Each structure stands twice: as C-alpha cells, then as structure tokens.
Amino acid sequence: MNEQIRVLIAENGNHSPQSLPTMLAAWPVVSIVGEAGDGEDTLRLVEQQQPHVVVISAELPVLDGIQTTQIIKALWPSTRVILFARQPGYRSLAREAGADAFLSEGFCGDDVMRAMIQ
C-alpha cells in the first residue's frame, strides 16, 4: 500500500494506557490528520480534513461517539468509522449507527490497523 491512510482520532483520553496516536505511529502508512476530544470537534475536523478513517470513542462528551458516527456516515458515507468502547455492549449500537468496525477494551494497534483495511 503506497497511499497514506488519513486518520482522525476522536477520544476522551482514557480508553487505554497506550494512546491511539502512539499505537498508530508504528504504522508508516498512517497519517494522523487530527485529534478531537468531543463529538462537535470531530465533525468539524472531518469536514476540514476529509480523513479516510475516523477512530472514535463511544464515550465522547458533547455528542457521544454513537451520535457522531451517525452524522459522519450520513454526511460522509465513504469515511470509514471505527468505534471503540470499554464495554462490548456497544457493539450493536455501533452497528446501528453505521460504524464499519467495533473494538472493545484491550485493543492494540494491530487491531485498529486490521479494522482500517478490512
């Protein structure tokens, strides 16, 4: 794969001991185009940066990850959304919101990368 995968990260900072930017930095094909701490910032950055992939926490403030995913998929359907949460019970909500993949607590960079290219 020669093209960079443009990734936007939307998290509240407490999903795992290792941060997503650190996880994804190990992959030379990944270019992090922005980081957001809430749903409104996420939507603004998706519009501005046009990422290929949004990796988003279900537990975002302002607009949660489920609501934000629904809006992203409605406005930018080709943007791949990977939603993650501490509780696996979010899996069905993620699917209903239109998320392309779901990751639960304990995921690693390899899991994120697999979800990006599936």
PDB file of N, CA and C in Angstrom:
ATOM      1  N   MET A   1       0.845  -1.174   0.000  1.00  0.00           N
ATOM      2  CA  MET A   1       0.000   0.000   0.000  1.00  0.00           C
ATOM      3  C   MET A   1       0.889   1.234   0.000  1.00  0.00           C
ATOM      4  N   ASN A   2       0.788   2.040  -1.065  1.00  0.00           N
ATOM      5  CA  ASN A   2       1.630   3.221  -1.192  1.00  0.00           C
ATOM      6  C   ASN A   2       0.959   4.475  -0.654  1.00  0.00           C
ATOM      7  N   GLU A   3      -0.361   4.539  -0.717  1.00  0.00           N
ATOM      8  CA  GLU A   3      -1.080   5.729  -0.288  1.00  0.00           C
ATOM      9  C   GLU A   3      -1.197   5.774   1.235  1.00  0.00           C
ATOM     10  N   GLN A   4      -1.034   6.961   1.783  1.00  0.00           N
ATOM     11  CA  GLN A   4      -1.213   7.163   3.214  1.00  0.00           C
ATOM     12  C   GLN A   4      -2.692   7.032   3.580  1.00  0.00           C
ATOM     13  N   ILE A   5      -2.965   6.413   4.709  1.00  0.00           N
ATOM     14  CA  ILE A   5      -4.321   6.337   5.245  1.00  0.00           C
ATOM     15  C   ILE A   5      -4.477   7.528   6.181  1.00  0.00           C
ATOM     16  N   ARG A   6      -5.341   8.457   5.806  1.00  0.00           N
ATOM     17  CA  ARG A   6      -5.565   9.673   6.603  1.00  0.00           C
ATOM     18  C   ARG A   6      -6.538   9.336   7.735  1.00  0.00           C
ATOM     19  N   VAL A   7      -6.058   9.498   8.977  1.00  0.00           N
ATOM     20  CA  VAL A   7      -6.826   9.075  10.147  1.00  0.00           C
ATOM     21  C   VAL A   7      -7.085  10.254  11.072  1.00  0.00           C
ATOM     22  N   LEU A   8      -8.332  10.358  11.511  1.00  0.00           N
ATOM     23  CA  LEU A   8      -8.721  11.304  12.548  1.00  0.00           C
ATOM     24  C   LEU A   8      -9.026  10.502  13.799  1.00  0.00           C
ATOM     25  N   ILE A   9      -8.504  10.933  14.929  1.00  0.00           N
ATOM     26  CA  ILE A   9      -8.727  10.253  16.201  1.00  0.00           C
ATOM     27  C   ILE A   9      -9.637  11.113  17.070  1.00  0.00           C
ATOM     28  N   ALA A  10     -10.699  10.504  17.594  1.00  0.00           N
ATOM     29  CA  ALA A  10     -11.629  11.197  18.481  1.00  0.00           C
ATOM     30  C   ALA A  10     -11.769  10.372  19.748  1.00  0.00           C
ATOM     31  N   GLU A  11     -11.149  10.856  20.807  1.00  0.00           N
ATOM     32  CA  GLU A  11     -11.181  10.115  22.072  1.00  0.00           C
ATOM     33  C   GLU A  11     -11.141  11.073  23.241  1.00  0.00           C
ATOM     34  N   ASN A  12     -11.587  10.559  24.367  1.00  0.00           N
ATOM     35  CA  ASN A  12     -11.576  11.366  25.582  1.00  0.00           C
ATOM     36  C   ASN A  12     -10.325  11.118  26.418  1.00  0.00           C
ATOM     37  N   GLY A  13      -9.402  10.319  25.912  1.00  0.00           N
ATOM     38  CA  GLY A  13      -8.111  10.150  26.549  1.00  0.00           C
ATOM     39  C   GLY A  13      -8.004   9.073  27.608  1.00  0.00           C
ATOM     40  N   ASN A  14      -9.062   8.327  27.881  1.00  0.00           N
ATOM     41  CA  ASN A  14      -8.948   7.320  28.937  1.00  0.00           C
ATOM     42  C   ASN A  14      -9.415   5.944  28.495  1.00  0.00           C
ATOM     43  N   HIS A  15      -9.103   5.572  27.254  1.00  0.00           N
ATOM     44  CA  HIS A  15      -9.519   4.248  26.785  1.00  0.00           C
ATOM     45  C   HIS A  15      -8.490   3.172  27.095  1.00  0.00           C
ATOM     46  N   SER A  16      -7.223   3.519  27.147  1.00  0.00           N
ATOM     47  CA  SER A  16      -6.196   2.517  27.397  1.00  0.00           C
ATOM     48  C   SER A  16      -4.924   3.208  27.850  1.00  0.00           C
ATOM     49  N   PRO A  17      -3.995   2.461  28.454  1.00  0.00           N
ATOM     50  CA  PRO A  17      -2.749   3.070  28.914  1.00  0.00           C
ATOM     51  C   PRO A  17      -1.912   3.622  27.751  1.00  0.00           C
ATOM     52  N   GLN A  18      -2.009   3.008  26.583  1.00  0.00           N
ATOM     53  CA  GLN A  18      -1.247   3.474  25.429  1.00  0.00           C
ATOM     54  C   GLN A  18      -2.177   4.296  24.548  1.00  0.00           C
ATOM     55  N   SER A  19      -1.757   5.488  24.186  1.00  0.00           N
ATOM     56  CA  SER A  19      -2.633   6.353  23.406  1.00  0.00           C
ATOM     57  C   SER A  19      -2.744   5.876  21.965  1.00  0.00           C
ATOM     58  N   LEU A  20      -3.853   6.216  21.348  1.00  0.00           N
ATOM     59  CA  LEU A  20      -4.062   5.860  19.943  1.00  0.00           C
ATOM     60  C   LEU A  20      -2.986   6.450  19.025  1.00  0.00           C
ATOM     61  N   PRO A  21      -2.617   7.728  19.187  1.00  0.00           N
ATOM     62  CA  PRO A  21      -1.556   8.237  18.316  1.00  0.00           C
ATOM     63  C   PRO A  21      -0.261   7.427  18.433  1.00  0.00           C
ATOM     64  N   THR A  22       0.068   6.999  19.631  1.00  0.00           N
ATOM     65  CA  THR A  22       1.269   6.183  19.819  1.00  0.00           C
ATOM     66  C   THR A  22       1.108   4.836  19.144  1.00  0.00           C
ATOM     67  N   MET A  23      -0.064   4.217  19.290  1.00  0.00           N
ATOM     68  CA  MET A  23      -0.331   2.926  18.645  1.00  0.00           C
ATOM     69  C   MET A  23      -0.176   3.027  17.132  1.00  0.00           C
ATOM     70  N   LEU A  24      -0.775   4.070  16.566  1.00  0.00           N
ATOM     71  CA  LEU A  24      -0.819   4.194  15.116  1.00  0.00           C
ATOM     72  C   LEU A  24       0.493   4.701  14.522  1.00  0.00           C
ATOM     73  N   ALA A  25       1.326   5.336  15.330  1.00  0.00           N
ATOM     74  CA  ALA A  25       2.614   5.841  14.838  1.00  0.00           C
ATOM     75  C   ALA A  25       3.521   4.710  14.370  1.00  0.00           C
ATOM     76  N   ALA A  26       3.262   3.502  14.839  1.00  0.00           N
ATOM     77  CA  ALA A  26       4.072   2.348  14.435  1.00  0.00           C
ATOM     78  C   ALA A  26       3.820   1.947  12.982  1.00  0.00           C
ATOM     79  N   TRP A  27       2.776   2.473  12.386  1.00  0.00           N
ATOM     80  CA  TRP A  27       2.405   2.118  11.009  1.00  0.00           C
ATOM     81  C   TRP A  27       2.770   3.256  10.074  1.00  0.00           C
ATOM     82  N   PRO A  28       3.778   3.084   9.237  1.00  0.00           N
ATOM     83  CA  PRO A  28       4.199   4.166   8.344  1.00  0.00           C
ATOM     84  C   PRO A  28       3.146   4.594   7.320  1.00  0.00           C
ATOM     85  N   VAL A  29       2.144   3.757   7.049  1.00  0.00           N
ATOM     86  CA  VAL A  29       1.104   4.123   6.080  1.00  0.00           C
ATOM     87  C   VAL A  29       0.023   5.009   6.686  1.00  0.00           C
ATOM     88  N   VAL A  30       0.091   5.225   8.006  1.00  0.00           N
ATOM     89  CA  VAL A  30      -0.927   6.022   8.694  1.00  0.00           C
ATOM     90  C   VAL A  30      -0.439   7.458   8.863  1.00  0.00           C
ATOM     91  N   SER A  31      -1.300   8.374   8.490  1.00  0.00           N
ATOM     92  CA  SER A  31      -1.046   9.796   8.702  1.00  0.00           C
ATOM     93  C   SER A  31      -2.179  10.334   9.569  1.00  0.00           C
ATOM     94  N   ILE A  32      -1.866  10.758  10.785  1.00  0.00           N
ATOM     95  CA  ILE A  32      -2.885  11.296  11.679  1.00  0.00           C
ATOM     96  C   ILE A  32      -3.119  12.753  11.283  1.00  0.00           C
ATOM     97  N   VAL A  33      -4.339  13.041  10.812  1.00  0.00           N
ATOM     98  CA  VAL A  33      -4.653  14.371  10.303  1.00  0.00           C
ATOM     99  C   VAL A  33      -5.356  15.250  11.331  1.00  0.00           C
ATOM    100  N   GLY A  34      -5.653  14.695  12.493  1.00  0.00           N
ATOM    101  CA  GLY A  34      -6.286  15.489  13.537  1.00  0.00           C
ATOM    102  C   GLY A  34      -6.675  14.642  14.725  1.00  0.00           C
ATOM    103  N   GLU A  35      -6.871  15.338  15.843  1.00  0.00           N
ATOM    104  CA  GLU A  35      -7.341  14.703  17.070  1.00  0.00           C
ATOM    105  C   GLU A  35      -8.422  15.583  17.671  1.00  0.00           C
ATOM    106  N   ALA A  36      -9.501  14.952  18.109  1.00  0.00           N
ATOM    107  CA  ALA A  36     -10.629  15.672  18.694  1.00  0.00           C
ATOM    108  C   ALA A  36     -10.954  15.078  20.053  1.00  0.00           C
ATOM    109  N   GLY A  37     -11.491  15.915  20.939  1.00  0.00           N
ATOM    110  CA  GLY A  37     -11.839  15.464  22.280  1.00  0.00           C
ATOM    111  C   GLY A  37     -13.329  15.375  22.528  1.00  0.00           C
ATOM    112  N   ASP A  38     -14.135  15.811  21.546  1.00  0.00           N
ATOM    113  CA  ASP A  38     -15.586  15.686  21.695  1.00  0.00           C
ATOM    114  C   ASP A  38     -16.219  15.535  20.307  1.00  0.00           C
ATOM    115  N   GLY A  39     -17.503  15.244  20.298  1.00  0.00           N
ATOM    116  CA  GLY A  39     -18.190  14.974  19.041  1.00  0.00           C
ATOM    117  C   GLY A  39     -18.271  16.170  18.111  1.00  0.00           C
ATOM    118  N   GLU A  40     -18.493  17.354  18.654  1.00  0.00           N
ATOM    119  CA  GLU A  40     -18.584  18.541  17.800  1.00  0.00           C
ATOM    120  C   GLU A  40     -17.256  18.820  17.106  1.00  0.00           C
ATOM    121  N   ASP A  41     -16.151  18.749  17.844  1.00  0.00           N
ATOM    122  CA  ASP A  41     -14.830  18.942  17.230  1.00  0.00           C
ATOM    123  C   ASP A  41     -14.558  17.880  16.174  1.00  0.00           C
ATOM    124  N   THR A  42     -15.013  16.664  16.443  1.00  0.00           N
ATOM    125  CA  THR A  42     -14.821  15.574  15.484  1.00  0.00           C
ATOM    126  C   THR A  42     -15.490  15.910  14.154  1.00  0.00           C
ATOM    127  N   LEU A  43     -16.732  16.348  14.201  1.00  0.00           N
ATOM    128  CA  LEU A  43     -17.461  16.675  12.976  1.00  0.00           C
ATOM    129  C   LEU A  43     -16.788  17.831  12.229  1.00  0.00           C
ATOM    130  N   ARG A  44     -16.339  18.827  12.960  1.00  0.00           N
ATOM    131  CA  ARG A  44     -15.653  19.962  12.337  1.00  0.00           C
ATOM    132  C   ARG A  44     -14.382  19.492  11.634  1.00  0.00           C
ATOM    133  N   LEU A  45     -13.617  18.631  12.306  1.00  0.00           N
ATOM    134  CA  LEU A  45     -12.363  18.146  11.725  1.00  0.00           C
ATOM    135  C   LEU A  45     -12.592  17.189  10.552  1.00  0.00           C
ATOM    136  N   VAL A  46     -13.645  16.387  10.612  1.00  0.00           N
ATOM    137  CA  VAL A  46     -13.949  15.509   9.475  1.00  0.00           C
ATOM    138  C   VAL A  46     -14.240  16.364   8.248  1.00  0.00           C
ATOM    139  N   GLU A  47     -15.019  17.415   8.431  1.00  0.00           N
ATOM    140  CA  GLU A  47     -15.332  18.300   7.303  1.00  0.00           C
ATOM    141  C   GLU A  47     -14.069  18.979   6.764  1.00  0.00           C
ATOM    142  N   GLN A  48     -13.210  19.452   7.647  1.00  0.00           N
ATOM    143  CA  GLN A  48     -11.994  20.163   7.230  1.00  0.00           C
ATOM    144  C   GLN A  48     -10.935  19.238   6.636  1.00  0.00           C
ATOM    145  N   GLN A  49     -10.696  18.105   7.275  1.00  0.00           N
ATOM    146  CA  GLN A  49      -9.564  17.250   6.923  1.00  0.00           C
ATOM    147  C   GLN A  49      -9.902  16.118   5.954  1.00  0.00           C
ATOM    148  N   GLN A  50     -11.183  15.761   5.838  1.00  0.00           N
ATOM    149  CA  GLN A  50     -11.618  14.681   4.950  1.00  0.00           C
ATOM    150  C   GLN A  50     -10.775  13.404   5.137  1.00  0.00           C
ATOM    151  N   PRO A  51     -10.744  12.863   6.360  1.00  0.00           N
ATOM    152  CA  PRO A  51      -9.956  11.648   6.597  1.00  0.00           C
ATOM    153  C   PRO A  51     -10.567  10.436   5.902  1.00  0.00           C
ATOM    154  N   HIS A  52      -9.730   9.437   5.671  1.00  0.00           N
ATOM    155  CA  HIS A  52     -10.232   8.164   5.158  1.00  0.00           C
ATOM    156  C   HIS A  52     -10.927   7.390   6.282  1.00  0.00           C
ATOM    157  N   VAL A  53     -10.365   7.529   7.498  1.00  0.00           N
ATOM    158  CA  VAL A  53     -10.828   6.747   8.650  1.00  0.00           C
ATOM    159  C   VAL A  53     -10.963   7.659   9.866  1.00  0.00           C
ATOM    160  N   VAL A  54     -12.033   7.452  10.636  1.00  0.00           N
ATOM    161  CA  VAL A  54     -12.196   8.097  11.937  1.00  0.00           C
ATOM    162  C   VAL A  54     -12.220   6.985  12.971  1.00  0.00           C
ATOM    163  N   VAL A  55     -11.306   7.072  13.939  1.00  0.00           N
ATOM    164  CA  VAL A  55     -11.288   6.131  15.058  1.00  0.00           C
ATOM    165  C   VAL A  55     -11.866   6.905  16.234  1.00  0.00           C
ATOM    166  N   ILE A  56     -13.030   6.450  16.725  1.00  0.00           N
ATOM    167  CA  ILE A  56     -13.815   7.268  17.647  1.00  0.00           C
ATOM    168  C   ILE A  56     -14.268   6.495  18.878  1.00  0.00           C
ATOM    169  N   SER A  57     -14.175   7.151  20.020  1.00  0.00           N
ATOM    170  CA  SER A  57     -14.631   6.575  21.281  1.00  0.00           C
ATOM    171  C   SER A  57     -16.139   6.733  21.411  1.00  0.00           C
ATOM    172  N   ALA A  58     -16.796   5.712  21.916  1.00  0.00           N
ATOM    173  CA  ALA A  58     -18.237   5.806  22.180  1.00  0.00           C
ATOM    174  C   ALA A  58     -18.507   6.806  23.304  1.00  0.00           C
ATOM    175  N   GLU A  59     -17.521   7.007  24.172  1.00  0.00           N
ATOM    176  CA  GLU A  59     -17.707   7.828  25.367  1.00  0.00           C
ATOM    177  C   GLU A  59     -17.180   9.253  25.201  1.00  0.00           C
ATOM    178  N   LEU A  60     -17.525   9.902  24.100  1.00  0.00           N
ATOM    179  CA  LEU A  60     -17.129  11.295  23.897  1.00  0.00           C
ATOM    180  C   LEU A  60     -18.108  12.232  24.585  1.00  0.00           C
ATOM    181  N   PRO A  61     -17.627  13.395  25.051  1.00  0.00           N
ATOM    182  CA  PRO A  61     -18.549  14.406  25.575  1.00  0.00           C
ATOM    183  C   PRO A  61     -19.213  15.196  24.441  1.00  0.00           C
ATOM    184  N   VAL A  62     -20.164  16.006  24.779  1.00  0.00           N
ATOM    185  CA  VAL A  62     -20.960  16.870  23.915  1.00  0.00           C
ATOM    186  C   VAL A  62     -21.868  16.004  23.035  1.00  0.00           C
ATOM    187  N   LEU A  63     -21.370  15.479  21.923  1.00  0.00           N
ATOM    188  CA  LEU A  63     -22.069  14.453  21.143  1.00  0.00           C
ATOM    189  C   LEU A  63     -21.293  13.169  21.377  1.00  0.00           C
ATOM    190  N   ASP A  64     -21.959  12.111  21.809  1.00  0.00           N
ATOM    191  CA  ASP A  64     -21.205  10.874  22.058  1.00  0.00           C
ATOM    192  C   ASP A  64     -20.787  10.232  20.738  1.00  0.00           C
ATOM    193  N   GLY A  65     -19.997   9.190  20.840  1.00  0.00           N
ATOM    194  CA  GLY A  65     -19.466   8.534  19.654  1.00  0.00           C
ATOM    195  C   GLY A  65     -20.522   7.910  18.764  1.00  0.00           C
ATOM    196  N   ILE A  66     -21.614   7.450  19.367  1.00  0.00           N
ATOM    197  CA  ILE A  66     -22.701   6.854  18.585  1.00  0.00           C
ATOM    198  C   ILE A  66     -23.377   7.936  17.732  1.00  0.00           C
ATOM    199  N   GLN A  67     -23.735   9.052  18.367  1.00  0.00           N
ATOM    200  CA  GLN A  67     -24.372  10.152  17.639  1.00  0.00           C
ATOM    201  C   GLN A  67     -23.438  10.702  16.562  1.00  0.00           C
ATOM    202  N   THR A  68     -22.185  10.867  16.913  1.00  0.00           N
ATOM    203  CA  THR A  68     -21.210  11.412  15.969  1.00  0.00           C
ATOM    204  C   THR A  68     -21.019  10.480  14.785  1.00  0.00           C
ATOM    205  N   THR A  69     -20.981   9.174  15.050  1.00  0.00           N
ATOM    206  CA  THR A  69     -20.863   8.190  13.967  1.00  0.00           C
ATOM    207  C   THR A  69     -22.050   8.287  13.018  1.00  0.00           C
ATOM    208  N   GLN A  70     -23.262   8.401  13.553  1.00  0.00           N
ATOM    209  CA  GLN A  70     -24.462   8.515  12.711  1.00  0.00           C
ATOM    210  C   GLN A  70     -24.349   9.724  11.777  1.00  0.00           C
ATOM    211  N   ILE A  71     -23.878  10.841  12.301  1.00  0.00           N
ATOM    212  CA  ILE A  71     -23.763  12.057  11.497  1.00  0.00           C
ATOM    213  C   ILE A  71     -22.670  11.904  10.442  1.00  0.00           C
ATOM    214  N   ILE A  72     -21.527  11.351  10.839  1.00  0.00           N
ATOM    215  CA  ILE A  72     -20.436  11.139   9.877  1.00  0.00           C
ATOM    216  C   ILE A  72     -20.916  10.268   8.722  1.00  0.00           C
ATOM    217  N   LYS A  73     -21.565   9.163   9.036  1.00  0.00           N
ATOM    218  CA  LYS A  73     -21.997   8.238   7.986  1.00  0.00           C
ATOM    219  C   LYS A  73     -23.092   8.844   7.110  1.00  0.00           C
ATOM    220  N   ALA A  74     -23.898   9.748   7.663  1.00  0.00           N
ATOM    221  CA  ALA A  74     -24.932  10.414   6.863  1.00  0.00           C
ATOM    222  C   ALA A  74     -24.319  11.455   5.923  1.00  0.00           C
ATOM    223  N   LEU A  75     -23.334  12.204   6.410  1.00  0.00           N
ATOM    224  CA  LEU A  75     -22.747  13.290   5.623  1.00  0.00           C
ATOM    225  C   LEU A  75     -21.563  12.852   4.754  1.00  0.00           C
ATOM    226  N   TRP A  76     -20.797  11.889   5.236  1.00  0.00           N
ATOM    227  CA  TRP A  76     -19.594  11.422   4.534  1.00  0.00           C
ATOM    228  C   TRP A  76     -19.599   9.889   4.521  1.00  0.00           C
ATOM    229  N   PRO A  77     -20.490   9.268   3.754  1.00  0.00           N
ATOM    230  CA  PRO A  77     -20.661   7.813   3.814  1.00  0.00           C
ATOM    231  C   PRO A  77     -19.420   7.004   3.446  1.00  0.00           C
ATOM    232  N   SER A  78     -18.508   7.564   2.684  1.00  0.00           N
ATOM    233  CA  SER A  78     -17.306   6.805   2.317  1.00  0.00           C
ATOM    234  C   SER A  78     -16.223   6.834   3.395  1.00  0.00           C
ATOM    235  N   THR A  79     -16.403   7.679   4.414  1.00  0.00           N
ATOM    236  CA  THR A  79     -15.443   7.716   5.528  1.00  0.00           C
ATOM    237  C   THR A  79     -15.649   6.477   6.389  1.00  0.00           C
ATOM    238  N   ARG A  80     -14.587   5.744   6.603  1.00  0.00           N
ATOM    239  CA  ARG A  80     -14.647   4.532   7.424  1.00  0.00           C
ATOM    240  C   ARG A  80     -14.625   4.949   8.889  1.00  0.00           C
ATOM    241  N   VAL A  81     -15.538   4.421   9.696  1.00  0.00           N
ATOM    242  CA  VAL A  81     -15.611   4.746  11.123  1.00  0.00           C
ATOM    243  C   VAL A  81     -15.357   3.488  11.932  1.00  0.00           C
ATOM    244  N   ILE A  82     -14.355   3.586  12.826  1.00  0.00           N
ATOM    245  CA  ILE A  82     -14.045   2.506  13.758  1.00  0.00           C
ATOM    246  C   ILE A  82     -14.397   3.027  15.141  1.00  0.00           C
ATOM    247  N   LEU A  83     -15.432   2.471  15.729  1.00  0.00           N
ATOM    248  CA  LEU A  83     -15.898   2.912  17.040  1.00  0.00           C
ATOM    249  C   LEU A  83     -15.359   1.966  18.100  1.00  0.00           C
ATOM    250  N   PHE A  84     -14.885   2.530  19.215  1.00  0.00           N
ATOM    251  CA  PHE A  84     -14.403   1.678  20.301  1.00  0.00           C
ATOM    252  C   PHE A  84     -15.029   2.094  21.619  1.00  0.00           C
ATOM    253  N   ALA A  85     -15.117   1.126  22.536  1.00  0.00           N
ATOM    254  CA  ALA A  85     -15.714   1.368  23.856  1.00  0.00           C
ATOM    255  C   ALA A  85     -15.144   0.398  24.858  1.00  0.00           C
ATOM    256  N   ARG A  86     -15.250   0.775  26.108  1.00  0.00           N
ATOM    257  CA  ARG A  86     -14.796  -0.111  27.186  1.00  0.00           C
ATOM    258  C   ARG A  86     -15.715  -1.314  27.353  1.00  0.00           C
ATOM    259  N   GLN A  87     -17.003  -1.136  27.076  1.00  0.00           N
ATOM    260  CA  GLN A  87     -17.965  -2.226  27.243  1.00  0.00           C
ATOM    261  C   GLN A  87     -18.327  -2.818  25.883  1.00  0.00           C
ATOM    262  N   PRO A  88     -18.276  -4.151  25.766  1.00  0.00           N
ATOM    263  CA  PRO A  88     -18.635  -4.781  24.498  1.00  0.00           C
ATOM    264  C   PRO A  88     -20.112  -4.603  24.142  1.00  0.00           C
ATOM    265  N   GLY A  89     -20.937  -4.186  25.089  1.00  0.00           N
ATOM    266  CA  GLY A  89     -22.354  -3.968  24.824  1.00  0.00           C
ATOM    267  C   GLY A  89     -22.621  -2.882  23.793  1.00  0.00           C
ATOM    268  N   TYR A  90     -21.624  -2.074  23.489  1.00  0.00           N
ATOM    269  CA  TYR A  90     -21.772  -1.023  22.479  1.00  0.00           C
ATOM    270  C   TYR A  90     -21.733  -1.571  21.057  1.00  0.00           C
ATOM    271  N   ARG A  91     -21.355  -2.827  20.894  1.00  0.00           N
ATOM    272  CA  ARG A  91     -21.205  -3.400  19.551  1.00  0.00           C
ATOM    273  C   ARG A  91     -22.473  -3.228  18.713  1.00  0.00           C
ATOM    274  N   SER A  92     -23.631  -3.562  19.259  1.00  0.00           N
ATOM    275  CA  SER A  92     -24.871  -3.450  18.484  1.00  0.00           C
ATOM    276  C   SER A  92     -25.220  -1.987  18.219  1.00  0.00           C
ATOM    277  N   LEU A  93     -24.952  -1.103  19.172  1.00  0.00           N
ATOM    278  CA  LEU A  93     -25.199   0.323  18.950  1.00  0.00           C
ATOM    279  C   LEU A  93     -24.287   0.867  17.856  1.00  0.00           C
ATOM    280  N   ALA A  94     -23.047   0.394  17.848  1.00  0.00           N
ATOM    281  CA  ALA A  94     -22.089   0.817  16.816  1.00  0.00           C
ATOM    282  C   ALA A  94     -22.590   0.398  15.438  1.00  0.00           C
ATOM    283  N   ARG A  95     -23.055  -0.820  15.334  1.00  0.00           N
ATOM    284  CA  ARG A  95     -23.566  -1.334  14.056  1.00  0.00           C
ATOM    285  C   ARG A  95     -24.784  -0.524  13.603  1.00  0.00           C
ATOM    286  N   GLU A  96     -25.709  -0.259  14.535  1.00  0.00           N
ATOM    287  CA  GLU A  96     -26.907   0.524  14.207  1.00  0.00           C
ATOM    288  C   GLU A  96     -26.558   1.943  13.767  1.00  0.00           C
ATOM    289  N   ALA A  97     -25.501   2.499  14.336  1.00  0.00           N
ATOM    290  CA  ALA A  97     -25.080   3.861  13.987  1.00  0.00           C
ATOM    291  C   ALA A  97     -24.375   3.920  12.638  1.00  0.00           C
ATOM    292  N   GLY A  98     -23.986   2.755  12.114  1.00  0.00           N
ATOM    293  CA  GLY A  98     -23.320   2.713  10.821  1.00  0.00           C
ATOM    294  C   GLY A  98     -21.815   2.538  10.881  1.00  0.00           C
ATOM    295  N   ALA A  99     -21.281   2.290  12.075  1.00  0.00           N
ATOM    296  CA  ALA A  99     -19.828   2.090  12.207  1.00  0.00           C
ATOM    297  C   ALA A  99     -19.392   0.908  11.342  1.00  0.00           C
ATOM    298  N   ASP A 100     -18.221   1.037  10.753  1.00  0.00           N
ATOM    299  CA  ASP A 100     -17.676  -0.016   9.901  1.00  0.00           C
ATOM    300  C   ASP A 100     -16.996  -1.110  10.706  1.00  0.00           C
ATOM    301  N   ALA A 101     -16.574  -0.772  11.928  1.00  0.00           N
ATOM    302  CA  ALA A 101     -15.919  -1.756  12.802  1.00  0.00           C
ATOM    303  C   ALA A 101     -16.107  -1.316  14.244  1.00  0.00           C
ATOM    304  N   PHE A 102     -15.983  -2.284  15.160  1.00  0.00           N
ATOM    305  CA  PHE A 102     -16.091  -2.013  16.592  1.00  0.00           C
ATOM    306  C   PHE A 102     -14.939  -2.703  17.303  1.00  0.00           C
ATOM    307  N   LEU A 103     -14.328  -1.994  18.238  1.00  0.00           N
ATOM    308  CA  LEU A 103     -13.262  -2.558  19.078  1.00  0.00           C
ATOM    309  C   LEU A 103     -13.625  -2.332  20.534  1.00  0.00           C
ATOM    310  N   SER A 104     -13.438  -3.363  21.362  1.00  0.00           N
ATOM    311  CA  SER A 104     -13.702  -3.192  22.789  1.00  0.00           C
ATOM    312  C   SER A 104     -12.380  -3.084  23.544  1.00  0.00           C
ATOM    313  N   GLU A 105     -12.486  -2.801  24.824  1.00  0.00           N
ATOM    314  CA  GLU A 105     -11.314  -2.541  25.675  1.00  0.00           C
ATOM    315  C   GLU A 105     -10.218  -3.586  25.484  1.00  0.00           C
ATOM    316  N   GLY A 106      -8.987  -3.119  25.507  1.00  0.00           N
ATOM    317  CA  GLY A 106      -7.851  -4.015  25.385  1.00  0.00           C
ATOM    318  C   GLY A 106      -7.333  -4.140  23.966  1.00  0.00           C
ATOM    319  N   PHE A 107      -7.885  -3.370  23.028  1.00  0.00           N
ATOM    320  CA  PHE A 107      -7.414  -3.476  21.654  1.00  0.00           C
ATOM    321  C   PHE A 107      -6.007  -2.897  21.529  1.00  0.00           C
ATOM    322  N   CYS A 108      -5.335  -3.311  20.466  1.00  0.00           N
ATOM    323  CA  CYS A 108      -3.967  -2.838  20.224  1.00  0.00           C
ATOM    324  C   CYS A 108      -3.899  -2.203  18.837  1.00  0.00           C
ATOM    325  N   GLY A 109      -2.743  -1.677  18.481  1.00  0.00           N
ATOM    326  CA  GLY A 109      -2.554  -1.039  17.187  1.00  0.00           C
ATOM    327  C   GLY A 109      -2.834  -1.970  16.026  1.00  0.00           C
ATOM    328  N   ASP A 110      -2.462  -3.245  16.169  1.00  0.00           N
ATOM    329  CA  ASP A 110      -2.738  -4.216  15.109  1.00  0.00           C
ATOM    330  C   ASP A 110      -4.243  -4.360  14.881  1.00  0.00           C
ATOM    331  N   ASP A 111      -5.026  -4.352  15.980  1.00  0.00           N
ATOM    332  CA  ASP A 111      -6.484  -4.463  15.855  1.00  0.00           C
ATOM    333  C   ASP A 111      -7.053  -3.256  15.080  1.00  0.00           C
ATOM    334  N   VAL A 112      -6.542  -2.064  15.390  1.00  0.00           N
ATOM    335  CA  VAL A 112      -7.006  -0.867  14.704  1.00  0.00           C
ATOM    336  C   VAL A 112      -6.647  -0.941  13.229  1.00  0.00           C
ATOM    337  N   MET A 113      -5.421  -1.354  12.933  1.00  0.00           N
ATOM    338  CA  MET A 113      -4.980  -1.425  11.548  1.00  0.00           C
ATOM    339  C   MET A 113      -5.813  -2.434  10.750  1.00  0.00           C
ATOM    340  N   ARG A 114      -6.093  -3.584  11.347  1.00  0.00           N
ATOM    341  CA  ARG A 114      -6.942  -4.587  10.673  1.00  0.00           C
ATOM    342  C   ARG A 114      -8.323  -3.992  10.382  1.00  0.00           C
ATOM    343  N   ALA A 115      -8.872  -3.263  11.343  1.00  0.00           N
ATOM    344  CA  ALA A 115     -10.196  -2.661  11.149  1.00  0.00           C
ATOM    345  C   ALA A 115     -10.164  -1.601  10.050  1.00  0.00           C
ATOM    346  N   MET A 116      -9.033  -0.929   9.889  1.00  0.00           N
ATOM    347  CA  MET A 116      -8.920   0.100   8.853  1.00  0.00           C
ATOM    348  C   MET A 116      -8.927  -0.471   7.448  1.00  0.00           C
ATOM    349  N   ILE A 117      -8.321  -1.644   7.278  1.00  0.00           N
ATOM    350  CA  ILE A 117      -8.136  -2.153   5.926  1.00  0.00           C
ATOM    351  C   ILE A 117      -9.115  -3.273   5.546  1.00  0.00           C
ATOM    352  N   GLN A 118     -10.002  -3.637   6.425  1.00  0.00           N
ATOM    353  CA  GLN A 118     -10.994  -4.687   6.115  1.00  0.00           C
ATOM    354  C   GLN A 118     -11.942  -4.240   5.051  1.00  0.00           C
TER     355      GLN A 118
END
